[in-house]
Amino acid sequence: MKNTVILITNNGMGKADEKLGQTLAGKYFELLSQNGSLPAAICFYTEGVKLVCEGSPVLAQLRKLETDGVRLIVCSTCLNYYELNEKVQVGIVGGMGDILETQVKAEKVITL
């Protein structure tokens, strides 16, 4: 997984009810952290940026991944769109160019 990038484009996993999607995302991030084989980066864009902001139920899991060396890249355009710039709690705010560069360098890209 070390050359893998995960893309998060929803406020949770899948197209389920928001609470269920967030519960699934939290469990996924927790298991990913325990797995021992971490991705190079997780990129958040569109509604996915909401997961790195104040009030997100998955902040603890994301902080653990970041502490363990996973780069969390958050789309600045999306934060601006949702007016969430001041609410980011974890990750590095970057542009679509940063996300594209991360994808190009990856051997594998997974979209959740």
Protein backbone atom coordinates (compact mmCIF):
# COMPACT_ATOMS: atom_id res chain seq x y z
CA MET A 1 0.00 0.00 0.00
CA LYS A 2 2.96 2.38 0.39
CA ASN A 3 2.61 3.61 -3.22
CA THR A 4 -1.19 3.76 -3.04
CA VAL A 5 -3.38 6.86 -2.86
CA ILE A 6 -6.94 6.80 -1.55
CA LEU A 7 -9.46 9.35 -2.80
CA ILE A 8 -12.33 10.41 -0.56
CA THR A 9 -15.07 12.22 -2.45
CA ASN A 10 -18.05 11.76 -0.11
CA ASN A 11 -18.85 12.81 3.45
CA GLY A 12 -18.46 9.15 4.42
CA MET A 13 -18.15 5.89 2.49
CA GLY A 14 -20.44 5.03 -0.37
CA LYS A 15 -23.75 6.60 -1.27
CA ALA A 16 -25.56 5.60 1.92
CA ASP A 17 -27.22 7.66 4.62
CA GLU A 18 -24.63 10.20 5.86
CA LYS A 19 -24.42 8.74 9.38
CA LEU A 20 -23.91 5.19 8.05
CA GLY A 21 -21.33 6.42 5.54
CA GLN A 22 -19.41 8.23 8.28
CA THR A 23 -19.56 5.17 10.54
CA LEU A 24 -18.17 3.01 7.74
CA ALA A 25 -15.43 5.54 6.98
CA GLY A 26 -14.42 5.66 10.64
CA LYS A 27 -14.17 1.87 10.80
CA TYR A 28 -12.24 1.77 7.49
CA PHE A 29 -9.71 4.37 8.69
CA GLU A 30 -9.34 2.55 12.02
CA LEU A 31 -8.69 -0.80 10.33
CA LEU A 32 -6.37 0.83 7.81
CA SER A 33 -4.31 2.23 10.67
CA GLN A 34 -4.14 -1.18 12.37
CA ASN A 35 -3.24 -2.96 9.13
CA GLY A 36 0.38 -1.83 9.27
CA SER A 37 0.57 -1.27 5.50
CA LEU A 38 -0.41 2.37 5.06
CA PRO A 39 -1.11 4.32 1.87
CA ALA A 40 1.17 7.17 0.82
CA ALA A 41 -1.70 9.65 0.91
CA ILE A 42 -5.42 10.17 1.28
CA CYS A 43 -6.88 12.98 -0.83
CA PHE A 44 -10.14 14.67 0.15
CA TYR A 45 -12.20 16.64 -2.35
CA THR A 46 -15.82 17.54 -3.11
CA GLU A 47 -17.92 16.57 -0.04
CA GLY A 48 -15.02 14.48 1.26
CA VAL A 49 -13.45 17.64 2.71
CA LYS A 50 -16.15 17.65 5.38
CA LEU A 51 -14.48 14.63 7.01
CA VAL A 52 -11.38 16.65 7.97
CA CYS A 53 -13.33 19.53 9.49
CA GLU A 54 -14.60 20.45 12.93
CA GLY A 55 -17.43 18.17 14.00
CA SER A 56 -16.40 15.21 11.83
CA PRO A 57 -16.85 11.88 13.63
CA VAL A 58 -13.67 10.46 12.04
CA LEU A 59 -11.12 13.06 13.16
CA ALA A 60 -9.44 10.77 15.71
CA GLN A 61 -8.88 8.07 13.09
CA LEU A 62 -7.53 10.60 10.59
CA ARG A 63 -5.19 12.14 13.17
CA LYS A 64 -3.80 8.67 13.90
CA LEU A 65 -3.17 8.03 10.20
CA GLU A 66 -1.47 11.40 9.83
CA THR A 67 0.68 10.74 12.90
CA ASP A 68 1.65 7.40 11.37
CA GLY A 69 2.93 9.19 8.25
CA VAL A 70 0.00 9.20 5.83
CA ARG A 71 -0.26 12.51 3.93
CA LEU A 72 -3.78 13.91 4.12
CA ILE A 73 -4.33 16.36 1.27
CA VAL A 74 -7.44 18.54 1.35
CA CYS A 75 -8.76 20.46 -1.68
CA SER A 76 -8.70 24.21 -1.07
CA THR A 77 -11.27 24.91 -3.81
CA CYS A 78 -13.72 22.55 -2.12
CA LEU A 79 -13.10 24.07 1.30
CA ASN A 80 -13.79 27.51 -0.19
CA TYR A 81 -16.96 26.25 -1.87
CA TYR A 82 -18.35 24.83 1.38
CA GLU A 83 -16.98 27.78 3.41
CA LEU A 84 -14.99 25.41 5.63
CA ASN A 85 -11.54 27.04 5.47
CA GLU A 86 -11.52 27.91 9.16
CA LYS A 87 -12.82 24.50 10.27
CA VAL A 88 -10.01 22.23 9.01
CA GLN A 89 -8.71 20.09 11.88
CA VAL A 90 -6.33 17.68 10.16
CA GLY A 91 -4.37 17.41 6.92
CA ILE A 92 -2.61 19.75 4.54
CA VAL A 93 -4.68 22.18 2.48
CA GLY A 94 -3.58 22.03 -1.15
CA GLY A 95 -4.86 22.57 -4.62
CA MET A 96 -6.05 20.22 -7.32
CA GLY A 97 -2.48 20.31 -8.67
CA ASP A 98 -1.25 18.71 -5.44
CA ILE A 99 -3.91 16.02 -5.67
CA LEU A 100 -3.10 15.37 -9.33
CA GLU A 101 0.64 15.15 -8.61
CA THR A 102 -0.03 12.65 -5.81
CA GLN A 103 -2.18 10.51 -8.11
CA VAL A 104 0.36 10.56 -10.95
CA LYS A 105 3.14 9.37 -8.62
CA ALA A 106 1.00 6.56 -7.20
CA GLU A 107 1.16 2.99 -8.45
CA LYS A 108 -2.45 2.46 -7.41
CA VAL A 109 -5.37 4.84 -6.80
CA ILE A 110 -8.43 3.72 -4.83
CA THR A 111 -11.64 5.78 -4.73
CA LEU A 112 -13.97 5.23 -1.78
